[in-house]
Protein backbone atom coordinates (compact mmCIF):
# COMPACT_ATOMS: atom_id res chain seq x y z
CA MET A 1 0.93 10.71 -24.30
CA SER A 2 -0.74 8.50 -26.29
CA ILE A 3 0.33 7.06 -29.91
CA THR A 4 -2.65 8.76 -31.62
CA SER A 5 -1.34 11.87 -29.85
CA ALA A 6 1.68 11.73 -30.74
CA ILE A 7 1.54 10.87 -34.27
CA ALA A 8 -1.26 13.70 -34.67
CA SER A 9 1.05 16.30 -33.31
CA SER A 10 4.21 14.87 -35.35
CA ILE A 11 1.92 15.17 -38.40
CA GLU A 12 -0.28 18.57 -37.49
CA LYS A 13 4.37 19.76 -36.69
CA ASN A 14 5.52 18.84 -40.16
CA MET A 15 1.57 20.29 -42.17
CA ASN A 16 2.76 23.34 -40.65
CA GLU A 17 6.55 23.01 -41.72
CA ALA A 18 5.12 22.22 -45.22
CA ASN A 19 3.29 25.48 -45.36
CA PRO A 20 3.85 25.53 -49.03
CA HIS A 21 3.36 29.86 -48.57
CA ASN A 22 6.46 29.96 -46.60
CA MET A 23 8.27 27.58 -48.72
CA LYS A 24 10.16 28.11 -52.44
CA PRO A 25 9.44 25.04 -54.55
CA SER A 26 12.32 23.14 -53.91
CA ASN A 27 12.07 23.40 -50.41
CA LEU A 28 8.67 22.34 -50.82
CA GLN A 29 9.46 18.90 -52.92
CA THR A 30 12.29 18.35 -49.71
CA GLY A 31 9.81 19.22 -46.65
CA ASN A 32 7.36 16.33 -48.97
CA LEU A 33 9.59 13.96 -48.92
CA ALA A 34 10.85 14.78 -45.76
CA ILE A 35 7.41 14.19 -44.10
CA GLN A 36 6.88 11.04 -46.33
CA ALA A 37 9.91 10.00 -44.70
CA ASP A 38 8.78 10.68 -41.05
CA LEU A 39 5.26 9.53 -41.84
CA GLN A 40 6.64 6.12 -43.27
CA SER A 41 8.99 5.62 -39.93
CA GLN A 42 5.87 6.42 -37.86
CA VAL A 43 4.06 3.39 -40.25
CA VAL A 44 6.52 0.96 -39.26
CA GLU A 45 7.22 1.92 -35.61
CA LEU A 46 3.27 1.04 -35.53
CA GLN A 47 3.97 -1.98 -37.42
CA MET A 48 6.67 -3.76 -35.51
CA ASN A 49 4.38 -2.45 -32.29
CA MET A 50 1.31 -4.01 -33.44
CA SER A 51 2.94 -7.11 -34.41
CA HIS A 52 4.58 -7.40 -31.10
CA LEU A 53 1.51 -6.90 -29.53
CA GLU A 54 -0.33 -9.81 -31.42
CA LEU A 55 2.33 -12.21 -30.32
CA THR A 56 2.46 -11.15 -26.69
CA VAL A 57 -1.53 -12.27 -27.03
CA GLU A 58 -1.30 -15.18 -28.81
CA ARG A 59 1.41 -16.58 -26.13
CA LEU A 60 -0.89 -15.24 -23.27
CA ASP A 61 -3.58 -17.18 -25.14
CA GLU A 62 -1.92 -20.50 -24.91
CA VAL A 63 -0.96 -19.81 -21.01
CA ILE A 64 -4.88 -19.34 -20.36
CA THR A 65 -5.68 -22.40 -22.26
CA ARG A 66 -3.21 -24.59 -20.46
CA GLN A 67 -4.00 -22.93 -17.07
CA ASP A 68 -7.88 -23.88 -17.86
CA LYS A 69 -7.00 -27.61 -18.51
CA HIS A 70 -5.09 -27.78 -15.49
CA ILE A 71 -7.50 -26.34 -13.67
CA GLN A 72 -10.06 -28.66 -14.76
CA THR A 73 -7.79 -31.91 -14.10
CA LEU A 74 -7.12 -30.48 -10.43
CA GLN A 75 -11.50 -29.79 -10.21
CA ARG A 76 -11.80 -33.80 -11.33
CA GLN A 77 -9.08 -34.77 -9.03
CA LEU A 78 -10.74 -32.64 -6.12
CA GLN A 79 -14.39 -34.37 -6.41
CA PHE A 80 -13.03 -37.82 -6.76
CA ILE A 81 -10.89 -37.12 -3.31
CA TYR A 82 -14.39 -35.74 -1.80
CA LYS A 83 -16.01 -38.39 -3.06
CA GLN A 84 -12.86 -40.78 -1.51
CA VAL A 85 -13.84 -39.25 1.94
CA GLU A 86 -17.43 -39.09 1.99
CA SER A 87 -17.54 -42.69 1.31
CA GLN A 88 -14.95 -43.90 3.97
CA ASP A 89 -17.24 -41.24 6.63
CA GLY A 90 -20.03 -44.05 5.68
CA GLU A 91 -17.67 -46.89 6.66
CA GLY A 92 -16.23 -45.04 9.81
CA GLY A 93 -12.48 -45.16 7.73
CA VAL A 94 -11.97 -41.63 8.30
CA ALA A 95 -11.96 -40.99 12.63
CA PRO A 96 -12.93 -37.67 13.75
CA PHE A 97 -9.99 -35.10 14.66
CA ASP A 98 -10.36 -33.92 18.04
CA VAL A 99 -7.55 -31.11 18.72
CA MET A 100 -7.52 -31.05 22.46
CA ALA A 101 -7.70 -34.81 23.13
CA ASP A 102 -5.15 -36.02 20.34
CA ARG A 103 -2.46 -33.64 21.39
CA PRO A 104 1.25 -35.27 21.19
CA PRO A 105 2.62 -36.31 24.69
CA HIS A 106 5.42 -33.66 23.99
CA TYR A 107 2.35 -30.66 24.95
């Protein structure tokens, strides 16, 4: 059950309990006070949930920002490494690796 439907059913229940046709005036005031207290506690609970969600979103935003910076740094490093490898290929600094020809002697 979602929060919205829970609140709606709670309000409907409270409205049915506070039906003025079923209550005497003193019971009506008591019923209204109970409804107000119940609604107030629901509002407080919703505000606390909202605050928790806002804090979670802020923390996730910080994590995403930090990870994005890290990914950008890694991409720059990888590009630098690719450029070094490409420049060494022209000089003959990196020899091609052949699995069969370069097997260690213990195989």
